[in-house]
Amino acid sequence: MTLQGVKFTGVGAATPSQCLTNAHLSALVDTSDEWIQSRTGIQERHVAAPEQRLVDLASEAAGAALQMAGLEPTAVDLLILATSTPDDLFGTACLVQTRIGAVNAVAFDLTAACSGFLFALVTAAQYLRTGAYRSALVIGGDILSRWVDWGDRRTCILFGDGAGAMVLQSSDVDQLLSFELRSDGRLNEHLTLAFAGTPQTLGENLAIAQGGFAPIAMNGREVYRFAVTQVPEVIEKALHRAGCTVEEIDWLVLHQANQRILDAVAERLGIPQEKVISNVGQCGNTSAASIPLALAAPIQQGHIQSGDLIATAGFGAGLTWGAALFRWQ
């Protein structure tokens, strides 16, 4: 079997219009703008209105990515939505497929928390490389404001809502140079959005659990320690697989969890700050949306140009993490 290459031809982003500032949070919990910025670098984040759904944000981002790629929705063969906060627990990808008119695409959700977009991108690339499909739309989107405890200052200051999308198409030249994906369930307890059920009796000696999900819980110190040690390692492995060096990287695009993590990873790799893309100050941690959201503006503004080498890495609940090395277009 002759393998095809993969090229990246479009990117799009969407965030809610509502903006939650550090001043707003200071009125909710015992915190301050100085306290939040000094620990996270976040100044504000966007949060979905009560009537706003993930399908709305995901469809907007998808439409922008398709427009940049010059691809009609009917030409999309595969649609993967990376999310941990679907509108429907059975899946939201098919709702996006219908909304944007991608009637010929197979669509499904993929859940890998903040690593979700990267995992979905690599998954889509394998379908294209084998020739099973020729075009794919990969979307990362989350509405984490649904699951935040707004009385917990350790977590409520971090998260925002949004969606980002990228178009991948088969090509004679492979622009996805390498990737490295990892998981370690032994660390799962450090970042969770867990089912919280109560027993319900159905009959004699017969009971089940029913309920919803508990708010996000995180051991920030352990997640930070995990990220700053494991993320540089997977980026180095991706570079080794591609036969590239750190000096060849044009842009470093990490999951936008915390500015301190971005700075620490860049420092460990020896990558100067002018090569590090960050929008965490304006968007907060948008989970699966964060990497495409961070990429969209510099690509649309022409800062990232055709042929630029991009190193990207996602990390989060599971715990999951990974890196990919690719050239834009």
C-alpha atoms as a PDB file:
ATOM      1  CA  MET A   1       0.000   0.000   0.000  1.00  0.00           C
ATOM      2  CA  THR A   2       1.348   3.419  -0.985  1.00  0.00           C
ATOM      3  CA  LEU A   3       0.972   5.935   1.829  1.00  0.00           C
ATOM      4  CA  GLN A   4      -0.268   9.455   1.134  1.00  0.00           C
ATOM      5  CA  GLY A   5       1.058  12.613   2.729  1.00  0.00           C
ATOM      6  CA  VAL A   6      -0.867  15.153   4.796  1.00  0.00           C
ATOM      7  CA  LYS A   7      -1.010  18.926   4.405  1.00  0.00           C
ATOM      8  CA  PHE A   8      -2.676  21.540   6.625  1.00  0.00           C
ATOM      9  CA  THR A   9      -4.715  24.008   4.628  1.00  0.00           C
ATOM     10  CA  GLY A  10      -7.143  25.879   6.885  1.00  0.00           C
ATOM     11  CA  VAL A  11      -7.667  26.970  10.458  1.00  0.00           C
ATOM     12  CA  GLY A  12     -10.549  28.683  12.248  1.00  0.00           C
ATOM     13  CA  ALA A  13     -11.535  29.781  15.736  1.00  0.00           C
ATOM     14  CA  ALA A  14     -14.573  30.819  17.733  1.00  0.00           C
ATOM     15  CA  THR A  15     -15.022  32.195  21.241  1.00  0.00           C
ATOM     16  CA  PRO A  16     -18.146  33.399  23.069  1.00  0.00           C
ATOM     17  CA  SER A  17     -18.752  37.138  23.187  1.00  0.00           C
ATOM     18  CA  GLN A  18     -19.075  37.170  26.985  1.00  0.00           C
ATOM     19  CA  CYS A  19     -15.778  38.088  28.644  1.00  0.00           C
ATOM     20  CA  LEU A  20     -15.066  37.105  32.252  1.00  0.00           C
ATOM     21  CA  THR A  21     -12.287  39.294  33.665  1.00  0.00           C
ATOM     22  CA  ASN A  22     -10.175  38.886  36.758  1.00  0.00           C
ATOM     23  CA  ALA A  23     -12.174  41.743  38.283  1.00  0.00           C
ATOM     24  CA  HIS A  24     -15.363  39.688  37.856  1.00  0.00           C
ATOM     25  CA  LEU A  25     -13.712  36.743  39.599  1.00  0.00           C
ATOM     26  CA  SER A  26     -12.517  38.953  42.440  1.00  0.00           C
ATOM     27  CA  ALA A  27     -16.176  39.589  43.243  1.00  0.00           C
ATOM     28  CA  LEU A  28     -16.906  35.848  43.306  1.00  0.00           C
ATOM     29  CA  VAL A  29     -13.990  34.406  45.276  1.00  0.00           C
ATOM     30  CA  ASP A  30     -11.102  35.574  47.444  1.00  0.00           C
ATOM     31  CA  THR A  31      -8.662  36.515  44.703  1.00  0.00           C
ATOM     32  CA  SER A  32      -7.302  39.493  42.789  1.00  0.00           C
ATOM     33  CA  ASP A  33      -6.053  40.426  39.348  1.00  0.00           C
ATOM     34  CA  GLU A  34      -2.460  40.487  40.651  1.00  0.00           C
ATOM     35  CA  TRP A  35      -2.812  37.074  42.301  1.00  0.00           C
ATOM     36  CA  ILE A  36      -4.259  35.475  39.147  1.00  0.00           C
ATOM     37  CA  GLN A  37      -1.839  37.051  36.677  1.00  0.00           C
ATOM     38  CA  SER A  38       1.250  36.304  38.767  1.00  0.00           C
ATOM     39  CA  ARG A  39       0.351  32.602  38.956  1.00  0.00           C
ATOM     40  CA  THR A  40      -1.253  31.969  35.552  1.00  0.00           C
ATOM     41  CA  GLY A  41      -0.736  34.919  33.215  1.00  0.00           C
ATOM     42  CA  ILE A  42      -4.501  35.011  32.597  1.00  0.00           C
ATOM     43  CA  GLN A  43      -6.252  38.376  32.424  1.00  0.00           C
ATOM     44  CA  GLU A  44      -9.612  37.322  31.009  1.00  0.00           C
ATOM     45  CA  ARG A  45     -11.449  34.379  29.476  1.00  0.00           C
ATOM     46  CA  HIS A  46     -14.590  33.942  27.340  1.00  0.00           C
ATOM     47  CA  VAL A  47     -17.598  32.041  28.704  1.00  0.00           C
ATOM     48  CA  ALA A  48     -20.640  30.731  26.866  1.00  0.00           C
ATOM     49  CA  ALA A  49     -24.058  32.250  27.518  1.00  0.00           C
ATOM     50  CA  PRO A  50     -26.743  29.944  28.943  1.00  0.00           C
ATOM     51  CA  GLU A  51     -28.307  29.396  25.509  1.00  0.00           C
ATOM     52  CA  GLN A  52     -24.975  28.875  23.709  1.00  0.00           C
ATOM     53  CA  ARG A  53     -23.987  25.323  22.827  1.00  0.00           C
ATOM     54  CA  LEU A  54     -20.786  23.588  21.819  1.00  0.00           C
ATOM     55  CA  VAL A  55     -22.243  22.893  18.381  1.00  0.00           C
ATOM     56  CA  ASP A  56     -22.508  26.667  17.848  1.00  0.00           C
ATOM     57  CA  LEU A  57     -18.846  27.347  18.604  1.00  0.00           C
ATOM     58  CA  ALA A  58     -17.567  24.237  16.818  1.00  0.00           C
ATOM     59  CA  SER A  59     -19.575  25.004  13.674  1.00  0.00           C
ATOM     60  CA  GLU A  60     -18.343  28.600  13.566  1.00  0.00           C
ATOM     61  CA  ALA A  61     -14.703  27.511  13.872  1.00  0.00           C
ATOM     62  CA  ALA A  62     -15.214  24.756  11.285  1.00  0.00           C
ATOM     63  CA  GLY A  63     -16.764  27.152   8.784  1.00  0.00           C
ATOM     64  CA  ALA A  64     -13.813  29.549   9.088  1.00  0.00           C
ATOM     65  CA  ALA A  65     -11.297  26.717   8.595  1.00  0.00           C
ATOM     66  CA  LEU A  66     -13.096  25.428   5.506  1.00  0.00           C
ATOM     67  CA  GLN A  67     -13.244  28.924   4.042  1.00  0.00           C
ATOM     68  CA  MET A  68      -9.487  29.397   4.485  1.00  0.00           C
ATOM     69  CA  ALA A  69      -8.849  26.001   2.898  1.00  0.00           C
ATOM     70  CA  GLY A  70     -11.176  26.794  -0.015  1.00  0.00           C
ATOM     71  CA  LEU A  71     -12.960  23.516   0.632  1.00  0.00           C
ATOM     72  CA  GLU A  72     -16.700  22.964   0.336  1.00  0.00           C
ATOM     73  CA  PRO A  73     -18.326  21.187   3.313  1.00  0.00           C
ATOM     74  CA  THR A  74     -19.554  18.432   0.989  1.00  0.00           C
ATOM     75  CA  ALA A  75     -15.904  17.603   0.184  1.00  0.00           C
ATOM     76  CA  VAL A  76     -15.113  16.710   3.807  1.00  0.00           C
ATOM     77  CA  ASP A  77     -14.729  12.938   4.250  1.00  0.00           C
ATOM     78  CA  LEU A  78     -13.985  12.826   7.983  1.00  0.00           C
ATOM     79  CA  LEU A  79     -14.994  15.060  10.894  1.00  0.00           C
ATOM     80  CA  ILE A  80     -13.529  14.516  14.362  1.00  0.00           C
ATOM     81  CA  LEU A  81     -14.645  16.648  17.298  1.00  0.00           C
ATOM     82  CA  ALA A  82     -12.278  16.550  20.259  1.00  0.00           C
ATOM     83  CA  THR A  83     -14.219  17.510  23.377  1.00  0.00           C
ATOM     84  CA  SER A  84     -14.853  16.611  26.995  1.00  0.00           C
ATOM     85  CA  THR A  85     -18.005  18.739  27.211  1.00  0.00           C
ATOM     86  CA  PRO A  86     -20.407  17.574  24.493  1.00  0.00           C
ATOM     87  CA  ASP A  87     -23.909  18.998  24.231  1.00  0.00           C
ATOM     88  CA  ASP A  88     -25.125  15.401  24.157  1.00  0.00           C
ATOM     89  CA  LEU A  89     -23.255  12.670  26.031  1.00  0.00           C
ATOM     90  CA  PHE A  90     -23.810  10.397  23.033  1.00  0.00           C
ATOM     91  CA  GLY A  91     -21.807  12.828  20.904  1.00  0.00           C
ATOM     92  CA  THR A  92     -21.880  16.251  19.246  1.00  0.00           C
ATOM     93  CA  ALA A  93     -19.820  15.681  16.086  1.00  0.00           C
ATOM     94  CA  CYS A  94     -22.869  14.602  14.075  1.00  0.00           C
ATOM     95  CA  LEU A  95     -24.683  17.791  15.102  1.00  0.00           C
ATOM     96  CA  VAL A  96     -21.740  19.811  13.760  1.00  0.00           C
ATOM     97  CA  GLN A  97     -21.718  17.728  10.573  1.00  0.00           C
ATOM     98  CA  THR A  98     -25.367  18.586   9.960  1.00  0.00           C
ATOM     99  CA  ARG A  99     -25.005  22.242  10.925  1.00  0.00           C
ATOM    100  CA  ILE A 100     -22.169  22.934   8.453  1.00  0.00           C
ATOM    101  CA  GLY A 101     -23.519  20.713   5.654  1.00  0.00           C
ATOM    102  CA  ALA A 102     -20.718  18.133   5.632  1.00  0.00           C
ATOM    103  CA  VAL A 103     -23.225  15.521   4.460  1.00  0.00           C
ATOM    104  CA  ASN A 104     -20.600  13.129   3.057  1.00  0.00           C
ATOM    105  CA  ALA A 105     -18.403  13.009   6.152  1.00  0.00           C
ATOM    106  CA  VAL A 106     -18.252  10.328   8.797  1.00  0.00           C
ATOM    107  CA  ALA A 107     -18.299  12.160  12.132  1.00  0.00           C
ATOM    108  CA  PHE A 108     -17.434  11.149  15.685  1.00  0.00           C
ATOM    109  CA  ASP A 109     -16.303  12.589  19.018  1.00  0.00           C
ATOM    110  CA  LEU A 110     -12.897  11.908  20.554  1.00  0.00           C
ATOM    111  CA  THR A 111     -12.182  12.498  24.237  1.00  0.00           C
ATOM    112  CA  ALA A 112      -8.673  13.089  25.532  1.00  0.00           C
ATOM    113  CA  ALA A 113      -9.286  16.261  27.569  1.00  0.00           C
ATOM    114  CA  CYS A 114      -6.736  19.016  26.939  1.00  0.00           C
ATOM    115  CA  SER A 115      -4.722  16.700  24.672  1.00  0.00           C
ATOM    116  CA  GLY A 116      -7.832  16.025  22.582  1.00  0.00           C
ATOM    117  CA  PHE A 117      -7.084  18.212  19.566  1.00  0.00           C
ATOM    118  CA  LEU A 118      -3.590  16.790  19.162  1.00  0.00           C
ATOM    119  CA  PHE A 119      -4.853  13.208  19.495  1.00  0.00           C
ATOM    120  CA  ALA A 120      -7.633  13.928  16.979  1.00  0.00           C
ATOM    121  CA  LEU A 121      -5.207  15.531  14.520  1.00  0.00           C
ATOM    122  CA  VAL A 122      -2.924  12.488  14.598  1.00  0.00           C
ATOM    123  CA  THR A 123      -5.922  10.146  14.270  1.00  0.00           C
ATOM    124  CA  ALA A 124      -7.248  12.006  11.230  1.00  0.00           C
ATOM    125  CA  ALA A 125      -3.809  12.000   9.619  1.00  0.00           C
ATOM    126  CA  GLN A 126      -3.677   8.196   9.709  1.00  0.00           C
ATOM    127  CA  TYR A 127      -6.947   7.941   7.755  1.00  0.00           C
ATOM    128  CA  LEU A 128      -5.545  10.298   5.130  1.00  0.00           C
ATOM    129  CA  ARG A 129      -2.175   8.571   4.922  1.00  0.00           C
ATOM    130  CA  THR A 130      -3.746   5.198   4.196  1.00  0.00           C
ATOM    131  CA  GLY A 131      -5.912   6.689   1.459  1.00  0.00           C
ATOM    132  CA  ALA A 132      -9.169   5.865   3.244  1.00  0.00           C
ATOM    133  CA  TYR A 133     -10.133   9.554   3.100  1.00  0.00           C
ATOM    134  CA  ARG A 134      -8.814  12.607   1.275  1.00  0.00           C
ATOM    135  CA  SER A 135      -9.962  15.480   3.483  1.00  0.00           C
ATOM    136  CA  ALA A 136     -10.574  15.806   7.205  1.00  0.00           C
ATOM    137  CA  LEU A 137     -11.915  18.471   9.516  1.00  0.00           C
ATOM    138  CA  VAL A 138     -10.505  18.303  13.033  1.00  0.00           C
ATOM    139  CA  ILE A 139     -12.211  20.419  15.695  1.00  0.00           C
ATOM    140  CA  GLY A 140     -11.269  20.981  19.311  1.00  0.00           C
ATOM    141  CA  GLY A 141     -13.946  22.571  21.457  1.00  0.00           C
ATOM    142  CA  ASP A 142     -15.002  22.770  25.077  1.00  0.00           C
ATOM    143  CA  ILE A 143     -17.424  24.682  27.296  1.00  0.00           C
ATOM    144  CA  LEU A 144     -15.715  24.069  30.616  1.00  0.00           C
ATOM    145  CA  SER A 145     -17.689  26.842  32.344  1.00  0.00           C
ATOM    146  CA  ARG A 146     -20.464  24.227  32.642  1.00  0.00           C
ATOM    147  CA  TRP A 147     -18.322  22.158  34.994  1.00  0.00           C
ATOM    148  CA  VAL A 148     -16.324  24.686  37.016  1.00  0.00           C
ATOM    149  CA  ASP A 149     -16.886  25.172  40.735  1.00  0.00           C
ATOM    150  CA  TRP A 150     -17.174  28.964  40.805  1.00  0.00           C
ATOM    151  CA  GLY A 151     -16.403  28.957  44.511  1.00  0.00           C
ATOM    152  CA  ASP A 152     -13.026  27.218  44.074  1.00  0.00           C
ATOM    153  CA  ARG A 153     -10.381  29.836  43.315  1.00  0.00           C
ATOM    154  CA  ARG A 154      -7.818  27.152  42.443  1.00  0.00           C
ATOM    155  CA  THR A 155      -9.765  26.162  39.325  1.00  0.00           C
ATOM    156  CA  CYS A 156     -12.353  28.825  38.488  1.00  0.00           C
ATOM    157  CA  ILE A 157      -9.647  31.337  37.498  1.00  0.00           C
ATOM    158  CA  LEU A 158      -8.215  29.019  34.844  1.00  0.00           C
ATOM    159  CA  PHE A 159     -10.867  27.918  32.406  1.00  0.00           C
ATOM    160  CA  GLY A 160     -12.564  29.519  29.415  1.00  0.00           C
ATOM    161  CA  ASP A 161     -14.749  28.355  26.526  1.00  0.00           C
ATOM    162  CA  GLY A 162     -14.055  28.165  22.809  1.00  0.00           C
ATOM    163  CA  ALA A 163     -13.480  26.081  19.702  1.00  0.00           C
ATOM    164  CA  GLY A 164     -10.817  25.799  17.029  1.00  0.00           C
ATOM    165  CA  ALA A 165     -10.678  23.803  13.816  1.00  0.00           C
ATOM    166  CA  MET A 166      -8.138  22.684  11.234  1.00  0.00           C
ATOM    167  CA  VAL A 167      -8.493  21.225   7.738  1.00  0.00           C
ATOM    168  CA  LEU A 168      -6.185  18.377   6.710  1.00  0.00           C
ATOM    169  CA  GLN A 169      -5.949  17.145   3.121  1.00  0.00           C
ATOM    170  CA  SER A 170      -4.038  14.351   1.450  1.00  0.00           C
ATOM    171  CA  SER A 171      -0.933  15.430  -0.398  1.00  0.00           C
ATOM    172  CA  ASP A 172       2.075  14.102  -2.300  1.00  0.00           C
ATOM    173  CA  VAL A 173       4.309  15.722   0.326  1.00  0.00           C
ATOM    174  CA  ASP A 174       3.794  14.857   4.002  1.00  0.00           C
ATOM    175  CA  GLN A 175       3.785  17.977   6.187  1.00  0.00           C
ATOM    176  CA  LEU A 176       3.170  15.997   9.406  1.00  0.00           C
ATOM    177  CA  LEU A 177       6.782  15.143  10.115  1.00  0.00           C
ATOM    178  CA  SER A 178       6.374  13.196  13.354  1.00  0.00           C
ATOM    179  CA  PHE A 179       4.359  12.729  16.537  1.00  0.00           C
ATOM    180  CA  GLU A 180       4.598  11.141  19.970  1.00  0.00           C
ATOM    181  CA  LEU A 181       1.515  10.309  22.090  1.00  0.00           C
ATOM    182  CA  ARG A 182       1.464   9.185  25.720  1.00  0.00           C
ATOM    183  CA  SER A 183      -0.993   8.246  28.502  1.00  0.00           C
ATOM    184  CA  ASP A 184      -0.598   7.338  32.166  1.00  0.00           C
ATOM    185  CA  GLY A 185      -3.760   6.435  34.092  1.00  0.00           C
ATOM    186  CA  ARG A 186      -1.785   6.151  37.322  1.00  0.00           C
ATOM    187  CA  LEU A 187      -1.864   9.965  37.447  1.00  0.00           C
ATOM    188  CA  ASN A 188      -5.582  10.236  36.695  1.00  0.00           C
ATOM    189  CA  GLU A 189      -6.545  11.488  40.160  1.00  0.00           C
ATOM    190  CA  HIS A 190      -4.665  14.757  39.673  1.00  0.00           C
ATOM    191  CA  LEU A 191      -7.182  16.173  37.180  1.00  0.00           C
ATOM    192  CA  THR A 192     -10.758  14.903  37.019  1.00  0.00           C
ATOM    193  CA  LEU A 193     -14.309  15.696  36.010  1.00  0.00           C
ATOM    194  CA  ALA A 194     -15.789  12.594  37.567  1.00  0.00           C
ATOM    195  CA  PHE A 195     -19.225  10.994  37.609  1.00  0.00           C
ATOM    196  CA  ALA A 196     -21.019  11.706  40.879  1.00  0.00           C
ATOM    197  CA  GLY A 197     -23.938   9.335  41.400  1.00  0.00           C
ATOM    198  CA  THR A 198     -26.301   8.492  44.208  1.00  0.00           C
ATOM    199  CA  PRO A 199     -27.762   5.015  44.760  1.00  0.00           C
ATOM    200  CA  GLN A 200     -31.272   4.342  43.500  1.00  0.00           C
ATOM    201  CA  THR A 201     -33.089   1.150  44.411  1.00  0.00           C
ATOM    202  CA  LEU A 202     -34.889  -0.640  41.586  1.00  0.00           C
ATOM    203  CA  GLY A 203     -36.070  -3.587  43.633  1.00  0.00           C
ATOM    204  CA  GLU A 204     -35.035  -6.011  46.333  1.00  0.00           C
ATOM    205  CA  ASN A 205     -31.234  -6.496  46.240  1.00  0.00           C
ATOM    206  CA  LEU A 206     -31.137  -4.405  43.047  1.00  0.00           C
ATOM    207  CA  ALA A 207     -29.695  -0.893  42.888  1.00  0.00           C
ATOM    208  CA  ILE A 208     -27.961   1.433  40.446  1.00  0.00           C
ATOM    209  CA  ALA A 209     -26.278   4.843  40.591  1.00  0.00           C
ATOM    210  CA  GLN A 210     -27.780   7.898  38.935  1.00  0.00           C
ATOM    211  CA  GLY A 211     -26.559  11.459  38.774  1.00  0.00           C
ATOM    212  CA  GLY A 212     -24.352  13.890  36.889  1.00  0.00           C
ATOM    213  CA  PHE A 213     -20.735  14.927  37.112  1.00  0.00           C
ATOM    214  CA  ALA A 214     -18.813  16.613  39.907  1.00  0.00           C
ATOM    215  CA  PRO A 215     -17.034  19.916  39.147  1.00  0.00           C
ATOM    216  CA  ILE A 216     -13.482  19.931  37.835  1.00  0.00           C
ATOM    217  CA  ALA A 217     -10.952  18.954  40.512  1.00  0.00           C
ATOM    218  CA  MET A 218      -7.233  19.508  40.044  1.00  0.00           C
ATOM    219  CA  ASN A 219      -3.987  19.114  41.940  1.00  0.00           C
ATOM    220  CA  GLY A 220      -2.300  22.094  40.331  1.00  0.00           C
ATOM    221  CA  ARG A 221       1.147  21.451  41.771  1.00  0.00           C
ATOM    222  CA  GLU A 222       1.299  17.896  40.446  1.00  0.00           C
ATOM    223  CA  VAL A 223      -0.078  18.862  37.015  1.00  0.00           C
ATOM    224  CA  TYR A 224       2.545  21.614  36.749  1.00  0.00           C
ATOM    225  CA  ARG A 225       5.324  19.220  37.722  1.00  0.00           C
ATOM    226  CA  PHE A 226       4.074  16.649  35.218  1.00  0.00           C
ATOM    227  CA  ALA A 227       3.815  19.162  32.367  1.00  0.00           C
ATOM    228  CA  VAL A 228       7.214  20.821  32.724  1.00  0.00           C
ATOM    229  CA  THR A 229       9.028  17.474  32.820  1.00  0.00           C
ATOM    230  CA  GLN A 230       7.063  15.325  30.356  1.00  0.00           C
ATOM    231  CA  VAL A 231       6.191  17.870  27.642  1.00  0.00           C
ATOM    232  CA  PRO A 232       9.786  18.812  26.730  1.00  0.00           C
ATOM    233  CA  GLU A 233      10.612  15.105  26.541  1.00  0.00           C
ATOM    234  CA  VAL A 234       7.880  14.271  23.997  1.00  0.00           C
ATOM    235  CA  ILE A 235       8.782  17.306  21.910  1.00  0.00           C
ATOM    236  CA  GLU A 236      12.405  16.136  21.842  1.00  0.00           C
ATOM    237  CA  LYS A 237      11.272  12.657  20.800  1.00  0.00           C
ATOM    238  CA  ALA A 238       9.150  14.109  17.985  1.00  0.00           C
ATOM    239  CA  LEU A 239      12.146  16.152  16.833  1.00  0.00           C
ATOM    240  CA  HIS A 240      14.343  13.051  16.877  1.00  0.00           C
ATOM    241  CA  ARG A 241      11.813  11.071  14.840  1.00  0.00           C
ATOM    242  CA  ALA A 242      11.698  13.852  12.248  1.00  0.00           C
ATOM    243  CA  GLY A 243      15.458  14.308  12.130  1.00  0.00           C
ATOM    244  CA  CYS A 244      15.075  17.946  13.192  1.00  0.00           C
ATOM    245  CA  THR A 245      16.728  20.090  15.860  1.00  0.00           C
ATOM    246  CA  VAL A 246      15.271  22.553  18.352  1.00  0.00           C
ATOM    247  CA  GLU A 247      16.955  25.382  16.451  1.00  0.00           C
ATOM    248  CA  GLU A 248      14.872  24.568  13.349  1.00  0.00           C
ATOM    249  CA  ILE A 249      11.568  25.194  15.150  1.00  0.00           C
ATOM    250  CA  ASP A 250       9.905  28.381  13.947  1.00  0.00           C
ATOM    251  CA  TRP A 251       6.996  28.312  16.395  1.00  0.00           C
ATOM    252  CA  LEU A 252       6.189  26.502  19.640  1.00  0.00           C
ATOM    253  CA  VAL A 253       2.449  26.102  20.228  1.00  0.00           C
ATOM    254  CA  LEU A 254       1.583  24.413  23.521  1.00  0.00           C
ATOM    255  CA  HIS A 255      -1.740  23.718  25.178  1.00  0.00           C
ATOM    256  CA  GLN A 256      -2.584  27.056  26.748  1.00  0.00           C
ATOM    257  CA  ALA A 257      -2.893  25.924  30.349  1.00  0.00           C
ATOM    258  CA  ASN A 258      -0.807  28.431  32.232  1.00  0.00           C
ATOM    259  CA  GLN A 259       1.811  30.985  31.143  1.00  0.00           C
ATOM    260  CA  ARG A 260       4.259  29.657  33.746  1.00  0.00           C
ATOM    261  CA  ILE A 261       4.092  26.218  32.115  1.00  0.00           C
ATOM    262  CA  LEU A 262       4.631  27.705  28.650  1.00  0.00           C
ATOM    263  CA  ASP A 263       7.650  29.634  29.905  1.00  0.00           C
ATOM    264  CA  ALA A 264       9.138  26.655  31.744  1.00  0.00           C
ATOM    265  CA  VAL A 265       8.814  24.285  28.762  1.00  0.00           C
ATOM    266  CA  ALA A 266      10.342  26.836  26.383  1.00  0.00           C
ATOM    267  CA  GLU A 267      13.220  27.435  28.790  1.00  0.00           C
ATOM    268  CA  ARG A 268      13.952  23.714  29.167  1.00  0.00           C
ATOM    269  CA  LEU A 269      14.035  23.303  25.395  1.00  0.00           C
ATOM    270  CA  GLY A 270      16.079  26.464  24.858  1.00  0.00           C
ATOM    271  CA  ILE A 271      13.412  28.075  22.644  1.00  0.00           C
ATOM    272  CA  PRO A 272      13.349  31.908  22.767  1.00  0.00           C
ATOM    273  CA  GLN A 273      10.141  33.612  23.869  1.00  0.00           C
ATOM    274  CA  GLU A 274       9.614  35.283  20.490  1.00  0.00           C
ATOM    275  CA  LYS A 275       8.958  31.812  19.035  1.00  0.00           C
ATOM    276  CA  VAL A 276       6.364  30.883  21.680  1.00  0.00           C
ATOM    277  CA  ILE A 277       2.735  31.528  20.727  1.00  0.00           C
ATOM    278  CA  SER A 278       0.490  32.401  23.662  1.00  0.00           C
ATOM    279  CA  ASN A 279      -3.090  33.623  23.976  1.00  0.00           C
ATOM    280  CA  VAL A 280      -3.620  32.300  27.493  1.00  0.00           C
ATOM    281  CA  GLY A 281      -3.864  35.859  28.825  1.00  0.00           C
ATOM    282  CA  GLN A 282      -6.967  36.541  26.743  1.00  0.00           C
ATOM    283  CA  CYS A 283      -8.572  33.084  26.540  1.00  0.00           C
ATOM    284  CA  GLY A 284      -7.517  31.108  29.600  1.00  0.00           C
ATOM    285  CA  ASN A 285      -7.390  27.327  29.447  1.00  0.00           C
ATOM    286  CA  THR A 286      -9.870  26.236  26.757  1.00  0.00           C
ATOM    287  CA  SER A 287      -8.923  22.534  26.927  1.00  0.00           C
ATOM    288  CA  ALA A 288      -9.190  20.800  23.528  1.00  0.00           C
ATOM    289  CA  ALA A 289      -9.738  24.157  21.801  1.00  0.00           C
ATOM    290  CA  SER A 290      -6.545  25.793  22.992  1.00  0.00           C
ATOM    291  CA  ILE A 291      -4.027  24.698  20.331  1.00  0.00           C
ATOM    292  CA  PRO A 292      -6.112  25.595  17.249  1.00  0.00           C
ATOM    293  CA  LEU A 293      -7.293  28.788  18.974  1.00  0.00           C
ATOM    294  CA  ALA A 294      -3.680  29.788  19.555  1.00  0.00           C
ATOM    295  CA  LEU A 295      -2.737  28.977  15.951  1.00  0.00           C
ATOM    296  CA  ALA A 296      -5.630  30.736  14.239  1.00  0.00           C
ATOM    297  CA  ALA A 297      -4.743  34.404  14.760  1.00  0.00           C
ATOM    298  CA  PRO A 298      -1.014  34.254  13.829  1.00  0.00           C
ATOM    299  CA  ILE A 299      -1.854  32.233  10.710  1.00  0.00           C
ATOM    300  CA  GLN A 300      -4.654  34.587   9.685  1.00  0.00           C
ATOM    301  CA  GLN A 301      -2.427  37.603  10.334  1.00  0.00           C
ATOM    302  CA  GLY A 302       0.443  36.157   8.295  1.00  0.00           C
ATOM    303  CA  HIS A 303       2.916  35.757  11.168  1.00  0.00           C
ATOM    304  CA  ILE A 304       3.006  32.008  10.575  1.00  0.00           C
ATOM    305  CA  GLN A 305       3.899  31.521   6.919  1.00  0.00           C
ATOM    306  CA  SER A 306       3.877  28.608   4.495  1.00  0.00           C
ATOM    307  CA  GLY A 307       6.709  26.203   5.241  1.00  0.00           C
ATOM    308  CA  ASP A 308       7.182  27.283   8.867  1.00  0.00           C
ATOM    309  CA  LEU A 309       8.043  24.430  11.219  1.00  0.00           C
ATOM    310  CA  ILE A 310       5.598  24.213  14.124  1.00  0.00           C
ATOM    311  CA  ALA A 311       6.163  22.147  17.267  1.00  0.00           C
ATOM    312  CA  THR A 312       2.976  21.609  19.217  1.00  0.00           C
ATOM    313  CA  ALA A 313       2.175  19.708  22.396  1.00  0.00           C
ATOM    314  CA  GLY A 314      -0.966  18.951  24.363  1.00  0.00           C
ATOM    315  CA  PHE A 315      -1.232  17.722  27.940  1.00  0.00           C
ATOM    316  CA  GLY A 316      -4.011  17.208  30.426  1.00  0.00           C
ATOM    317  CA  ALA A 317      -6.441  14.882  32.137  1.00  0.00           C
ATOM    318  CA  GLY A 318      -6.052  11.166  31.810  1.00  0.00           C
ATOM    319  CA  LEU A 319      -3.266  11.974  32.217  1.00  0.00           C
ATOM    320  CA  THR A 320      -2.531  12.303  28.509  1.00  0.00           C
ATOM    321  CA  TRP A 321       0.142  14.187  26.630  1.00  0.00           C
ATOM    322  CA  GLY A 322       1.803  14.275  23.249  1.00  0.00           C
ATOM    323  CA  ALA A 323       3.612  16.288  20.623  1.00  0.00           C
ATOM    324  CA  ALA A 324       3.467  16.735  16.868  1.00  0.00           C
ATOM    325  CA  LEU A 325       5.833  18.402  14.435  1.00  0.00           C
ATOM    326  CA  PHE A 326       4.413  19.774  11.197  1.00  0.00           C
ATOM    327  CA  ARG A 327       4.909  22.404   8.524  1.00  0.00           C
ATOM    328  CA  TRP A 328       2.092  24.826   7.841  1.00  0.00           C
ATOM    329  CA  GLN A 329       0.732  24.194   4.322  1.00  0.00           C
END
